[in-house]
């Protein structure tokens, strides 16, 4: 029993260690990717012809994006220790940081966070309502397959001839859900980019490649 127990214990420690390594790696590369996505979706929302290379443009400012991400999460987590609502408010306040970094390569993370907080003064509720709209769409598209599955389950005792129709409706619900999510992703990102431009007064700067 002892060898088996210690083997399982060692395996669990290795899994935990691997999970920690993956979490650290994700945290390190997330900032550059978020900046690249911000530049990419800003280009689309402004009709400037986005390029695939923009998605990796954030790695040219690796330390800036990493610093911004660390500062955001330290402040958000710090406020979250008080109550969940202050944490949400802090997250909303710094939500425009990477858009600002994408629009101005000359600034650092502290300046970007400060500008984001300034622009979100009086606009946090607007962004929160926009996010709630996104959540409603997500719930809708998630619920369509569930509704189709419920119909299929309720019809299991129906005549055999109705089975193809019920299966067809279930498959159709899955296709509608997938199509909805394919539309929802770009819709969320472009809407968020438009929100940023509304705050910035559409005072654009040069495009980032």
N, C-alpha and C. Protein backbone atom coordinates (compact mmCIF):
# COMPACT_ATOMS: atom_id res chain seq x y z
N UNK A 1 0.82 -1.22 0.00
CA UNK A 1 0.00 0.00 0.00
C UNK A 1 0.86 1.27 0.00
N UNK A 2 1.96 1.27 0.76
CA UNK A 2 2.78 2.47 0.85
C UNK A 2 3.36 2.89 -0.50
N UNK A 3 3.96 1.97 -1.27
CA UNK A 3 4.47 2.38 -2.58
C UNK A 3 3.38 2.93 -3.48
N UNK A 4 2.22 2.29 -3.45
CA UNK A 4 1.11 2.76 -4.30
C UNK A 4 0.67 4.14 -3.88
N UNK A 5 0.59 4.36 -2.57
CA UNK A 5 0.16 5.66 -2.06
C UNK A 5 1.13 6.76 -2.46
N UNK A 6 2.45 6.46 -2.28
CA UNK A 6 3.44 7.49 -2.59
C UNK A 6 3.55 7.72 -4.10
N UNK A 7 3.32 6.68 -4.89
CA UNK A 7 3.30 6.85 -6.34
C UNK A 7 2.17 7.78 -6.75
N UNK A 8 1.01 7.58 -6.17
CA UNK A 8 -0.13 8.45 -6.49
C UNK A 8 0.13 9.87 -6.01
N UNK A 9 0.76 9.99 -4.84
CA UNK A 9 1.05 11.31 -4.29
C UNK A 9 2.03 12.06 -5.18
N UNK A 10 3.07 11.34 -5.64
CA UNK A 10 4.05 11.96 -6.53
C UNK A 10 3.42 12.37 -7.84
N UNK A 11 2.56 11.51 -8.39
CA UNK A 11 1.87 11.84 -9.63
C UNK A 11 0.99 13.07 -9.47
N UNK A 12 0.33 13.19 -8.33
CA UNK A 12 -0.52 14.35 -8.07
C UNK A 12 0.31 15.62 -8.00
N UNK A 13 1.50 15.53 -7.35
CA UNK A 13 2.38 16.69 -7.25
C UNK A 13 2.86 17.12 -8.63
N UNK A 14 3.15 16.15 -9.48
CA UNK A 14 3.61 16.47 -10.82
C UNK A 14 2.51 17.16 -11.61
N UNK A 15 1.27 16.69 -11.45
CA UNK A 15 0.14 17.32 -12.14
C UNK A 15 -0.06 18.74 -11.66
N UNK A 16 0.05 18.94 -10.35
CA UNK A 16 -0.10 20.29 -9.79
C UNK A 16 1.01 21.20 -10.30
N UNK A 17 2.24 20.68 -10.34
CA UNK A 17 3.37 21.46 -10.83
C UNK A 17 3.18 21.84 -12.29
N UNK A 18 2.75 20.88 -13.10
CA UNK A 18 2.51 21.15 -14.51
C UNK A 18 1.40 22.18 -14.69
N UNK A 19 0.37 22.08 -13.87
CA UNK A 19 -0.72 23.05 -13.94
C UNK A 19 -0.23 24.44 -13.58
N UNK A 20 0.64 24.53 -12.58
CA UNK A 20 1.20 25.83 -12.18
C UNK A 20 2.06 26.42 -13.30
N UNK A 21 2.86 25.56 -13.94
CA UNK A 21 3.71 26.02 -15.04
C UNK A 21 2.86 26.56 -16.18
N UNK A 22 1.80 25.83 -16.54
CA UNK A 22 0.91 26.28 -17.62
C UNK A 22 0.24 27.60 -17.26
N UNK A 23 -0.16 27.75 -15.99
CA UNK A 23 -0.79 28.99 -15.56
C UNK A 23 0.18 30.16 -15.68
N UNK A 24 1.43 29.96 -15.27
CA UNK A 24 2.44 31.03 -15.37
C UNK A 24 2.71 31.39 -16.82
N UNK A 25 2.85 30.37 -17.67
CA UNK A 25 3.10 30.63 -19.09
C UNK A 25 1.93 31.39 -19.72
N UNK A 26 0.71 30.98 -19.36
CA UNK A 26 -0.47 31.69 -19.87
C UNK A 26 -0.44 33.15 -19.45
N UNK A 27 -0.12 33.39 -18.20
CA UNK A 27 -0.10 34.76 -17.69
C UNK A 27 0.95 35.59 -18.42
N UNK A 28 2.10 34.96 -18.74
CA UNK A 28 3.19 35.68 -19.38
C UNK A 28 2.85 36.08 -20.81
N UNK A 29 2.24 35.15 -21.57
CA UNK A 29 1.98 35.42 -22.99
C UNK A 29 0.61 36.03 -23.23
N UNK A 30 -0.23 36.09 -22.20
CA UNK A 30 -1.58 36.61 -22.40
C UNK A 30 -1.57 38.09 -22.76
N UNK A 31 -0.73 38.87 -22.08
CA UNK A 31 -0.68 40.31 -22.33
C UNK A 31 -0.38 40.66 -23.77
N UNK A 32 0.71 40.11 -24.36
CA UNK A 32 0.99 40.39 -25.77
C UNK A 32 -0.14 39.99 -26.70
N UNK A 33 -0.77 38.86 -26.43
CA UNK A 33 -1.88 38.44 -27.28
C UNK A 33 -3.09 39.37 -27.14
N UNK A 34 -3.36 39.83 -25.93
CA UNK A 34 -4.48 40.75 -25.72
C UNK A 34 -4.23 42.06 -26.46
N UNK A 35 -2.99 42.55 -26.42
CA UNK A 35 -2.66 43.77 -27.15
C UNK A 35 -2.80 43.54 -28.65
N UNK A 36 -2.33 42.41 -29.15
CA UNK A 36 -2.48 42.10 -30.57
C UNK A 36 -3.94 42.02 -30.99
N UNK A 37 -4.76 41.41 -30.16
CA UNK A 37 -6.19 41.34 -30.46
C UNK A 37 -6.83 42.72 -30.44
N UNK A 38 -6.41 43.56 -29.50
CA UNK A 38 -6.94 44.92 -29.44
C UNK A 38 -6.63 45.68 -30.73
N UNK A 39 -5.40 45.58 -31.20
CA UNK A 39 -5.01 46.25 -32.45
C UNK A 39 -5.79 45.68 -33.62
N UNK A 40 -5.92 44.36 -33.66
CA UNK A 40 -6.62 43.67 -34.75
C UNK A 40 -8.08 44.11 -34.84
N UNK A 41 -8.79 44.10 -33.71
CA UNK A 41 -10.21 44.45 -33.73
C UNK A 41 -10.44 45.94 -33.90
N UNK A 42 -9.51 46.77 -33.45
CA UNK A 42 -9.61 48.19 -33.74
C UNK A 42 -9.50 48.45 -35.24
N UNK A 43 -8.61 47.72 -35.90
CA UNK A 43 -8.47 47.88 -37.36
C UNK A 43 -9.74 47.48 -38.08
N UNK A 44 -10.38 46.40 -37.63
CA UNK A 44 -11.63 45.96 -38.26
C UNK A 44 -12.74 46.98 -38.01
N UNK A 45 -12.87 47.43 -36.77
CA UNK A 45 -13.96 48.37 -36.45
C UNK A 45 -13.79 49.71 -37.16
N UNK A 46 -12.54 50.06 -37.49
CA UNK A 46 -12.28 51.32 -38.18
C UNK A 46 -12.21 51.15 -39.69
N UNK A 47 -12.42 49.93 -40.16
CA UNK A 47 -12.42 49.68 -41.60
C UNK A 47 -11.08 49.84 -42.25
N UNK A 48 -10.02 49.46 -41.53
CA UNK A 48 -8.67 49.68 -42.03
C UNK A 48 -8.02 48.41 -42.58
N UNK A 49 -8.72 47.33 -42.64
CA UNK A 49 -8.15 46.11 -43.18
C UNK A 49 -7.18 45.46 -42.22
N UNK A 50 -7.71 44.67 -41.31
CA UNK A 50 -6.86 44.01 -40.32
C UNK A 50 -5.98 42.96 -40.99
N UNK A 51 -4.81 42.74 -40.39
CA UNK A 51 -3.86 41.75 -40.88
C UNK A 51 -3.57 40.72 -39.80
N UNK A 52 -3.34 39.50 -40.23
CA UNK A 52 -3.08 38.41 -39.29
C UNK A 52 -1.85 38.71 -38.44
N UNK A 53 -0.86 39.39 -39.02
CA UNK A 53 0.37 39.69 -38.29
C UNK A 53 0.13 40.59 -37.08
N UNK A 54 -0.97 41.35 -37.10
CA UNK A 54 -1.27 42.23 -35.97
C UNK A 54 -1.53 41.45 -34.69
N UNK A 55 -1.99 40.22 -34.82
CA UNK A 55 -2.29 39.41 -33.64
C UNK A 55 -1.04 39.14 -32.80
N UNK A 56 0.13 39.18 -33.45
CA UNK A 56 1.38 38.92 -32.74
C UNK A 56 2.19 40.20 -32.52
N UNK A 57 1.60 41.34 -32.87
CA UNK A 57 2.31 42.60 -32.72
C UNK A 57 2.59 42.96 -31.29
N UNK A 58 1.81 42.42 -30.35
CA UNK A 58 2.02 42.75 -28.95
C UNK A 58 3.33 42.23 -28.39
N UNK A 59 3.92 41.22 -29.04
CA UNK A 59 5.18 40.67 -28.53
C UNK A 59 6.34 41.64 -28.74
N UNK A 60 6.17 42.62 -29.60
CA UNK A 60 7.21 43.65 -29.74
C UNK A 60 7.27 44.55 -28.52
N UNK A 61 6.19 44.54 -27.74
CA UNK A 61 6.15 45.35 -26.51
C UNK A 61 5.88 44.42 -25.33
N UNK A 62 6.64 43.34 -25.29
CA UNK A 62 6.39 42.28 -24.31
C UNK A 62 6.39 42.80 -22.87
N UNK A 63 7.42 43.53 -22.50
CA UNK A 63 7.53 43.97 -21.10
C UNK A 63 6.46 44.99 -20.74
N UNK A 64 6.07 45.80 -21.71
CA UNK A 64 4.99 46.77 -21.45
C UNK A 64 3.68 46.06 -21.20
N UNK A 65 3.37 45.07 -22.04
CA UNK A 65 2.11 44.34 -21.87
C UNK A 65 2.12 43.51 -20.59
N UNK A 66 3.26 42.90 -20.28
CA UNK A 66 3.34 42.12 -19.04
C UNK A 66 3.17 43.03 -17.83
N UNK A 67 3.80 44.20 -17.85
CA UNK A 67 3.63 45.15 -16.76
C UNK A 67 2.20 45.61 -16.61
N UNK A 68 1.54 45.87 -17.74
CA UNK A 68 0.15 46.29 -17.69
C UNK A 68 -0.74 45.21 -17.10
N UNK A 69 -0.51 43.98 -17.52
CA UNK A 69 -1.34 42.88 -17.01
C UNK A 69 -1.14 42.68 -15.52
N UNK A 70 0.10 42.75 -15.07
CA UNK A 70 0.37 42.58 -13.64
C UNK A 70 -0.29 43.70 -12.84
N UNK A 71 -0.15 44.93 -13.31
CA UNK A 71 -0.73 46.06 -12.59
C UNK A 71 -2.25 45.96 -12.53
N UNK A 72 -2.87 45.55 -13.64
CA UNK A 72 -4.32 45.43 -13.67
C UNK A 72 -4.79 44.41 -12.65
N UNK A 73 -4.19 43.22 -12.67
CA UNK A 73 -4.66 42.16 -11.79
C UNK A 73 -4.33 42.43 -10.33
N UNK A 74 -3.22 43.08 -10.05
CA UNK A 74 -2.91 43.44 -8.67
C UNK A 74 -3.96 44.41 -8.13
N UNK A 75 -4.32 45.39 -8.93
CA UNK A 75 -5.31 46.37 -8.47
C UNK A 75 -6.71 45.77 -8.39
N UNK A 76 -7.06 44.96 -9.38
CA UNK A 76 -8.39 44.33 -9.36
C UNK A 76 -8.51 43.37 -8.17
N UNK A 77 -7.49 42.54 -7.97
CA UNK A 77 -7.53 41.61 -6.85
C UNK A 77 -7.49 42.35 -5.52
N UNK A 78 -6.74 43.45 -5.47
CA UNK A 78 -6.69 44.23 -4.25
C UNK A 78 -8.06 44.78 -3.86
N UNK A 79 -8.79 45.31 -4.83
CA UNK A 79 -10.13 45.81 -4.56
C UNK A 79 -11.11 44.66 -4.31
N UNK A 80 -10.87 43.52 -4.94
CA UNK A 80 -11.76 42.37 -4.74
C UNK A 80 -11.66 41.80 -3.34
N UNK A 81 -10.53 42.04 -2.66
CA UNK A 81 -10.39 41.58 -1.29
C UNK A 81 -11.37 42.29 -0.36
N UNK A 82 -11.78 43.48 -0.75
CA UNK A 82 -12.76 44.21 0.05
C UNK A 82 -14.15 43.64 -0.18
N UNK A 83 -14.60 43.71 -1.44
CA UNK A 83 -15.90 43.17 -1.85
C UNK A 83 -15.84 42.91 -3.34
N UNK A 84 -16.75 42.11 -3.83
CA UNK A 84 -16.75 41.77 -5.25
C UNK A 84 -17.09 42.99 -6.10
N UNK A 85 -17.96 43.87 -5.61
CA UNK A 85 -18.37 45.03 -6.40
C UNK A 85 -17.20 45.98 -6.66
N UNK A 86 -16.39 46.34 -5.65
CA UNK A 86 -15.23 47.18 -5.94
C UNK A 86 -14.27 46.52 -6.94
N UNK A 87 -14.16 45.19 -6.90
CA UNK A 87 -13.31 44.50 -7.86
C UNK A 87 -13.83 44.64 -9.28
N UNK A 88 -15.15 44.54 -9.45
CA UNK A 88 -15.76 44.72 -10.77
C UNK A 88 -15.56 46.15 -11.26
N UNK A 89 -15.73 47.11 -10.36
CA UNK A 89 -15.54 48.51 -10.73
C UNK A 89 -14.10 48.75 -11.17
N UNK A 90 -13.15 48.17 -10.45
CA UNK A 90 -11.74 48.33 -10.82
C UNK A 90 -11.47 47.71 -12.18
N UNK A 91 -12.03 46.53 -12.43
CA UNK A 91 -11.82 45.88 -13.73
C UNK A 91 -12.39 46.72 -14.86
N UNK A 92 -13.56 47.30 -14.63
CA UNK A 92 -14.16 48.19 -15.63
C UNK A 92 -13.29 49.42 -15.85
N UNK A 93 -12.71 49.94 -14.77
CA UNK A 93 -11.90 51.15 -14.87
C UNK A 93 -10.68 50.94 -15.75
N UNK A 94 -10.08 49.75 -15.69
CA UNK A 94 -8.84 49.49 -16.44
C UNK A 94 -9.09 48.67 -17.71
N UNK A 95 -10.34 48.58 -18.12
CA UNK A 95 -10.70 47.73 -19.27
C UNK A 95 -10.19 48.27 -20.61
N UNK A 96 -9.86 49.55 -20.66
CA UNK A 96 -9.43 50.14 -21.93
C UNK A 96 -7.90 50.21 -22.07
N UNK A 97 -7.19 49.62 -21.12
CA UNK A 97 -5.74 49.76 -21.08
C UNK A 97 -5.06 49.28 -22.36
N UNK A 98 -5.42 48.10 -22.84
CA UNK A 98 -4.73 47.53 -23.99
C UNK A 98 -5.13 48.23 -25.30
N UNK A 99 -6.34 48.75 -25.37
CA UNK A 99 -6.70 49.57 -26.53
C UNK A 99 -5.84 50.83 -26.56
N UNK A 100 -5.64 51.44 -25.40
CA UNK A 100 -4.83 52.65 -25.32
C UNK A 100 -3.38 52.35 -25.69
N UNK A 101 -2.85 51.23 -25.23
CA UNK A 101 -1.50 50.83 -25.60
C UNK A 101 -1.39 50.57 -27.10
N UNK A 102 -2.44 50.01 -27.67
CA UNK A 102 -2.42 49.75 -29.11
C UNK A 102 -2.48 51.01 -29.93
N UNK A 103 -3.04 52.07 -29.38
CA UNK A 103 -3.16 53.33 -30.10
C UNK A 103 -1.94 54.23 -29.93
N UNK A 104 -1.15 53.97 -28.93
CA UNK A 104 -0.01 54.86 -28.65
C UNK A 104 1.17 54.02 -28.15
N UNK A 105 2.17 53.84 -29.01
CA UNK A 105 3.33 53.03 -28.65
C UNK A 105 4.31 53.76 -27.75
N UNK A 106 4.10 55.04 -27.52
CA UNK A 106 5.08 55.82 -26.77
C UNK A 106 4.85 55.78 -25.26
N UNK A 107 3.73 55.23 -24.83
CA UNK A 107 3.40 55.26 -23.40
C UNK A 107 3.68 53.92 -22.75
N UNK A 108 3.79 53.95 -21.43
CA UNK A 108 4.02 52.75 -20.65
C UNK A 108 2.76 52.27 -19.97
N UNK A 109 2.86 51.19 -19.21
CA UNK A 109 1.66 50.61 -18.58
C UNK A 109 0.98 51.53 -17.57
N UNK A 110 1.76 52.25 -16.77
CA UNK A 110 1.16 53.13 -15.77
C UNK A 110 0.33 54.24 -16.42
N UNK A 111 0.87 54.82 -17.48
CA UNK A 111 0.14 55.87 -18.19
C UNK A 111 -1.13 55.31 -18.83
N UNK A 112 -1.03 54.12 -19.39
CA UNK A 112 -2.19 53.50 -20.02
C UNK A 112 -3.29 53.22 -18.99
N UNK A 113 -2.91 52.72 -17.83
CA UNK A 113 -3.90 52.47 -16.77
C UNK A 113 -4.55 53.77 -16.30
N UNK A 114 -3.73 54.81 -16.17
CA UNK A 114 -4.27 56.09 -15.72
C UNK A 114 -5.26 56.65 -16.74
N UNK A 115 -4.91 56.58 -18.02
CA UNK A 115 -5.81 57.09 -19.06
C UNK A 115 -7.09 56.27 -19.12
N UNK A 116 -6.96 54.96 -18.94
CA UNK A 116 -8.15 54.11 -18.96
C UNK A 116 -9.09 54.49 -17.82
N UNK A 117 -8.53 54.69 -16.65
CA UNK A 117 -9.35 55.07 -15.50
C UNK A 117 -10.03 56.42 -15.72
N UNK A 118 -9.30 57.36 -16.32
CA UNK A 118 -9.87 58.68 -16.58
C UNK A 118 -11.01 58.60 -17.59
N UNK A 119 -10.82 57.82 -18.66
CA UNK A 119 -11.85 57.72 -19.69
C UNK A 119 -13.08 56.97 -19.21
N UNK A 120 -12.90 56.08 -18.26
CA UNK A 120 -14.04 55.30 -17.79
C UNK A 120 -14.82 56.00 -16.69
N UNK A 121 -14.34 57.16 -16.25
CA UNK A 121 -15.11 57.92 -15.27
C UNK A 121 -16.47 58.29 -15.86
N UNK A 122 -17.53 57.83 -15.23
CA UNK A 122 -18.88 58.10 -15.72
C UNK A 122 -19.31 57.18 -16.85
N UNK A 123 -18.44 56.26 -17.27
CA UNK A 123 -18.78 55.36 -18.38
C UNK A 123 -18.76 53.88 -17.98
N UNK A 124 -18.46 53.62 -16.72
CA UNK A 124 -18.40 52.23 -16.28
C UNK A 124 -19.74 51.52 -16.41
N UNK A 125 -20.81 52.24 -16.09
CA UNK A 125 -22.14 51.63 -16.17
C UNK A 125 -22.50 51.30 -17.61
N UNK A 126 -22.10 52.15 -18.55
CA UNK A 126 -22.36 51.88 -19.96
C UNK A 126 -21.69 50.60 -20.42
N UNK A 127 -20.43 50.44 -20.03
CA UNK A 127 -19.71 49.23 -20.42
C UNK A 127 -20.29 48.00 -19.72
N UNK A 128 -20.69 48.15 -18.48
CA UNK A 128 -21.29 47.03 -17.75
C UNK A 128 -22.57 46.58 -18.44
N UNK A 129 -23.40 47.53 -18.88
CA UNK A 129 -24.62 47.18 -19.59
C UNK A 129 -24.31 46.51 -20.93
N UNK A 130 -23.25 46.95 -21.60
CA UNK A 130 -22.84 46.31 -22.85
C UNK A 130 -22.42 44.87 -22.58
N UNK A 131 -21.67 44.64 -21.52
CA UNK A 131 -21.27 43.27 -21.17
C UNK A 131 -22.48 42.41 -20.83
N UNK A 132 -23.46 42.99 -20.16
CA UNK A 132 -24.69 42.24 -19.83
C UNK A 132 -25.41 41.82 -21.11
N UNK A 133 -25.37 42.67 -22.12
CA UNK A 133 -25.97 42.30 -23.41
C UNK A 133 -25.25 41.11 -24.02
N UNK A 134 -23.92 41.10 -23.91
CA UNK A 134 -23.15 39.97 -24.42
C UNK A 134 -23.51 38.69 -23.68
N UNK A 135 -23.67 38.80 -22.36
CA UNK A 135 -24.02 37.63 -21.55
C UNK A 135 -25.37 37.08 -21.97
N UNK A 136 -26.32 37.97 -22.26
CA UNK A 136 -27.65 37.53 -22.69
C UNK A 136 -27.57 36.75 -24.00
N UNK A 137 -26.75 37.24 -24.94
CA UNK A 137 -26.56 36.51 -26.20
C UNK A 137 -25.92 35.15 -25.93
N UNK A 138 -24.95 35.12 -25.04
CA UNK A 138 -24.27 33.86 -24.73
C UNK A 138 -25.25 32.85 -24.13
N UNK A 139 -26.07 33.31 -23.20
CA UNK A 139 -27.07 32.43 -22.58
C UNK A 139 -28.06 31.92 -23.63
N UNK A 140 -28.46 32.80 -24.54
CA UNK A 140 -29.40 32.41 -25.59
C UNK A 140 -28.83 31.29 -26.46
N UNK A 141 -27.61 31.50 -26.96
CA UNK A 141 -27.02 30.50 -27.86
C UNK A 141 -26.64 29.22 -27.11
N UNK A 142 -26.37 29.34 -25.81
CA UNK A 142 -26.10 28.14 -25.02
C UNK A 142 -27.38 27.36 -24.75
N UNK A 143 -28.50 28.09 -24.64
CA UNK A 143 -29.77 27.45 -24.31
C UNK A 143 -30.45 26.77 -25.48
N UNK A 144 -30.09 27.16 -26.71
CA UNK A 144 -30.76 26.55 -27.88
C UNK A 144 -30.52 25.05 -27.95
N UNK A 145 -29.26 24.55 -27.85
CA UNK A 145 -29.08 23.09 -27.85
C UNK A 145 -29.76 22.41 -26.67
N UNK A 146 -29.78 23.10 -25.51
CA UNK A 146 -30.45 22.53 -24.35
C UNK A 146 -31.94 22.35 -24.61
N UNK A 147 -32.54 23.34 -25.29
CA UNK A 147 -33.95 23.23 -25.63
C UNK A 147 -34.18 22.09 -26.62
N UNK A 148 -33.26 21.98 -27.61
CA UNK A 148 -33.38 20.88 -28.57
C UNK A 148 -33.22 19.53 -27.91
N UNK A 149 -32.29 19.42 -26.97
CA UNK A 149 -32.11 18.17 -26.24
C UNK A 149 -33.30 17.84 -25.37
N UNK A 150 -33.93 18.87 -24.79
CA UNK A 150 -35.13 18.64 -23.98
C UNK A 150 -36.27 18.10 -24.84
N UNK A 151 -36.45 18.67 -26.03
CA UNK A 151 -37.48 18.16 -26.94
C UNK A 151 -37.22 16.71 -27.32
N UNK A 152 -35.94 16.40 -27.56
CA UNK A 152 -35.57 15.03 -27.91
C UNK A 152 -35.86 14.08 -26.76
N UNK A 153 -35.57 14.52 -25.54
CA UNK A 153 -35.82 13.66 -24.38
C UNK A 153 -37.31 13.49 -24.13
N UNK A 154 -38.08 14.58 -24.27
CA UNK A 154 -39.52 14.48 -24.06
C UNK A 154 -40.20 13.62 -25.11
N UNK A 155 -39.58 13.55 -26.29
CA UNK A 155 -40.20 12.78 -27.37
C UNK A 155 -39.73 11.35 -27.46
N UNK A 156 -39.00 10.89 -26.43
CA UNK A 156 -38.47 9.52 -26.50
C UNK A 156 -39.57 8.47 -26.45
N UNK A 157 -40.72 8.82 -25.87
CA UNK A 157 -41.83 7.88 -25.81
C UNK A 157 -42.86 8.10 -26.91
N UNK A 158 -42.55 9.00 -27.82
CA UNK A 158 -43.46 9.27 -28.94
C UNK A 158 -43.36 8.15 -29.97
N UNK A 159 -44.28 8.13 -30.92
CA UNK A 159 -44.20 7.12 -31.99
C UNK A 159 -42.87 7.17 -32.72
N UNK A 160 -42.45 6.02 -33.21
CA UNK A 160 -41.15 5.90 -33.85
C UNK A 160 -41.02 6.85 -35.04
N UNK A 161 -42.15 7.10 -35.72
CA UNK A 161 -42.10 7.95 -36.91
C UNK A 161 -41.69 9.38 -36.62
N UNK A 162 -41.85 9.83 -35.36
CA UNK A 162 -41.50 11.21 -35.02
C UNK A 162 -40.03 11.35 -34.64
N UNK A 163 -39.31 10.24 -34.47
CA UNK A 163 -37.91 10.29 -34.05
C UNK A 163 -37.02 11.06 -35.02
N UNK A 164 -37.11 10.82 -36.35
CA UNK A 164 -36.25 11.59 -37.27
C UNK A 164 -36.47 13.09 -37.17
N UNK A 165 -37.73 13.50 -36.99
CA UNK A 165 -38.02 14.93 -36.86
C UNK A 165 -37.37 15.51 -35.61
N UNK A 166 -37.49 14.77 -34.49
CA UNK A 166 -36.92 15.27 -33.24
C UNK A 166 -35.40 15.32 -33.31
N UNK A 167 -34.79 14.29 -33.91
CA UNK A 167 -33.33 14.29 -34.07
C UNK A 167 -32.89 15.43 -34.98
N UNK A 168 -33.66 15.65 -36.05
CA UNK A 168 -33.35 16.75 -36.96
C UNK A 168 -33.43 18.10 -36.27
N UNK A 169 -34.44 18.28 -35.41
CA UNK A 169 -34.57 19.53 -34.66
C UNK A 169 -33.41 19.71 -33.69
N UNK A 170 -32.98 18.61 -33.08
CA UNK A 170 -31.85 18.69 -32.16
C UNK A 170 -30.57 19.08 -32.88
N UNK A 171 -30.31 18.44 -34.03
CA UNK A 171 -29.13 18.78 -34.82
C UNK A 171 -29.19 20.21 -35.33
N UNK A 172 -30.40 20.65 -35.71
CA UNK A 172 -30.56 22.03 -36.17
C UNK A 172 -30.27 23.01 -35.04
N UNK A 173 -30.69 22.67 -33.83
CA UNK A 173 -30.41 23.56 -32.69
C UNK A 173 -28.91 23.67 -32.43
N UNK A 174 -28.17 22.57 -32.62
CA UNK A 174 -26.72 22.62 -32.45
C UNK A 174 -26.08 23.51 -33.51
N UNK A 175 -26.54 23.37 -34.76
CA UNK A 175 -25.99 24.19 -35.84
C UNK A 175 -26.28 25.67 -35.61
N UNK A 176 -27.48 25.98 -35.16
CA UNK A 176 -27.84 27.37 -34.88
C UNK A 176 -26.97 27.92 -33.76
N UNK A 177 -26.73 27.10 -32.74
CA UNK A 177 -25.89 27.53 -31.62
C UNK A 177 -24.46 27.79 -32.09
N UNK A 178 -23.90 26.88 -32.85
CA UNK A 178 -22.54 27.07 -33.36
C UNK A 178 -22.45 28.33 -34.23
N UNK A 179 -23.42 28.49 -35.12
CA UNK A 179 -23.42 29.69 -35.96
C UNK A 179 -23.55 30.96 -35.13
N UNK A 180 -24.35 30.87 -34.08
CA UNK A 180 -24.51 32.03 -33.20
C UNK A 180 -23.22 32.41 -32.51
N UNK A 181 -22.48 31.41 -32.02
CA UNK A 181 -21.22 31.69 -31.36
C UNK A 181 -20.17 32.20 -32.34
N UNK A 182 -20.20 31.70 -33.59
CA UNK A 182 -19.27 32.22 -34.60
C UNK A 182 -19.53 33.70 -34.88
N UNK A 183 -20.79 34.10 -34.80
CA UNK A 183 -21.14 35.51 -34.98
C UNK A 183 -20.87 36.31 -33.72
N UNK A 184 -21.08 35.69 -32.56
CA UNK A 184 -21.00 36.42 -31.30
C UNK A 184 -19.59 36.90 -30.99
N UNK A 185 -18.57 36.06 -31.29
CA UNK A 185 -17.19 36.45 -30.99
C UNK A 185 -16.78 37.75 -31.65
N UNK A 186 -16.88 37.84 -33.00
CA UNK A 186 -16.55 39.12 -33.65
C UNK A 186 -17.45 40.27 -33.21
N UNK A 187 -18.73 39.98 -32.97
CA UNK A 187 -19.66 41.02 -32.53
C UNK A 187 -19.20 41.64 -31.20
N UNK A 188 -18.80 40.79 -30.25
CA UNK A 188 -18.35 41.29 -28.96
C UNK A 188 -17.09 42.14 -29.11
N UNK A 189 -16.14 41.65 -29.87
CA UNK A 189 -14.86 42.35 -30.00
C UNK A 189 -14.99 43.67 -30.76
N UNK A 190 -15.76 43.68 -31.85
CA UNK A 190 -15.96 44.92 -32.60
C UNK A 190 -16.75 45.92 -31.77
N UNK A 191 -17.77 45.46 -31.05
CA UNK A 191 -18.56 46.36 -30.21
C UNK A 191 -17.70 46.98 -29.13
N UNK A 192 -16.81 46.19 -28.54
CA UNK A 192 -15.91 46.71 -27.51
C UNK A 192 -14.95 47.73 -28.09
N UNK A 193 -14.45 47.46 -29.31
CA UNK A 193 -13.56 48.42 -29.97
C UNK A 193 -14.31 49.72 -30.30
N UNK A 194 -15.56 49.60 -30.75
CA UNK A 194 -16.37 50.79 -31.02
C UNK A 194 -16.59 51.60 -29.74
N UNK A 195 -16.81 50.89 -28.64
CA UNK A 195 -16.99 51.57 -27.36
C UNK A 195 -15.75 52.38 -27.01
N UNK A 196 -14.58 51.79 -27.24
CA UNK A 196 -13.33 52.50 -26.96
C UNK A 196 -13.22 53.75 -27.84
N UNK A 197 -13.54 53.63 -29.13
CA UNK A 197 -13.45 54.79 -30.01
C UNK A 197 -14.43 55.88 -29.62
N UNK A 198 -15.59 55.49 -29.11
CA UNK A 198 -16.55 56.50 -28.63
C UNK A 198 -15.97 57.27 -27.45
N UNK A 199 -15.28 56.55 -26.56
CA UNK A 199 -14.66 57.22 -25.41
C UNK A 199 -13.52 58.13 -25.86
N UNK A 200 -12.77 57.66 -26.85
CA UNK A 200 -11.61 58.42 -27.32
C UNK A 200 -12.00 59.56 -28.25
N UNK A 201 -13.28 59.66 -28.59
CA UNK A 201 -13.72 60.70 -29.51
C UNK A 201 -13.26 60.47 -30.92
N UNK A 202 -12.92 59.18 -31.21
CA UNK A 202 -12.48 58.80 -32.55
C UNK A 202 -11.26 59.60 -33.01
N UNK A 203 -10.39 59.94 -32.05
CA UNK A 203 -9.12 60.60 -32.40
C UNK A 203 -8.07 59.52 -32.62
N UNK A 204 -8.06 58.98 -33.82
CA UNK A 204 -7.21 57.83 -34.11
C UNK A 204 -5.77 58.27 -34.37
N UNK A 205 -4.90 57.31 -34.18
CA UNK A 205 -3.51 57.50 -34.55
C UNK A 205 -3.13 56.46 -35.57
N UNK A 206 -1.84 56.36 -35.87
CA UNK A 206 -1.41 55.51 -36.96
C UNK A 206 -1.74 54.06 -36.69
N UNK A 207 -1.93 53.29 -37.76
CA UNK A 207 -2.23 51.87 -37.67
C UNK A 207 -0.99 51.12 -37.24
N UNK A 208 -1.18 50.01 -36.46
CA UNK A 208 -0.08 49.20 -35.98
C UNK A 208 -0.02 47.90 -36.77
N UNK A 209 1.12 47.58 -37.34
CA UNK A 209 1.26 46.35 -38.12
C UNK A 209 1.78 45.23 -37.25
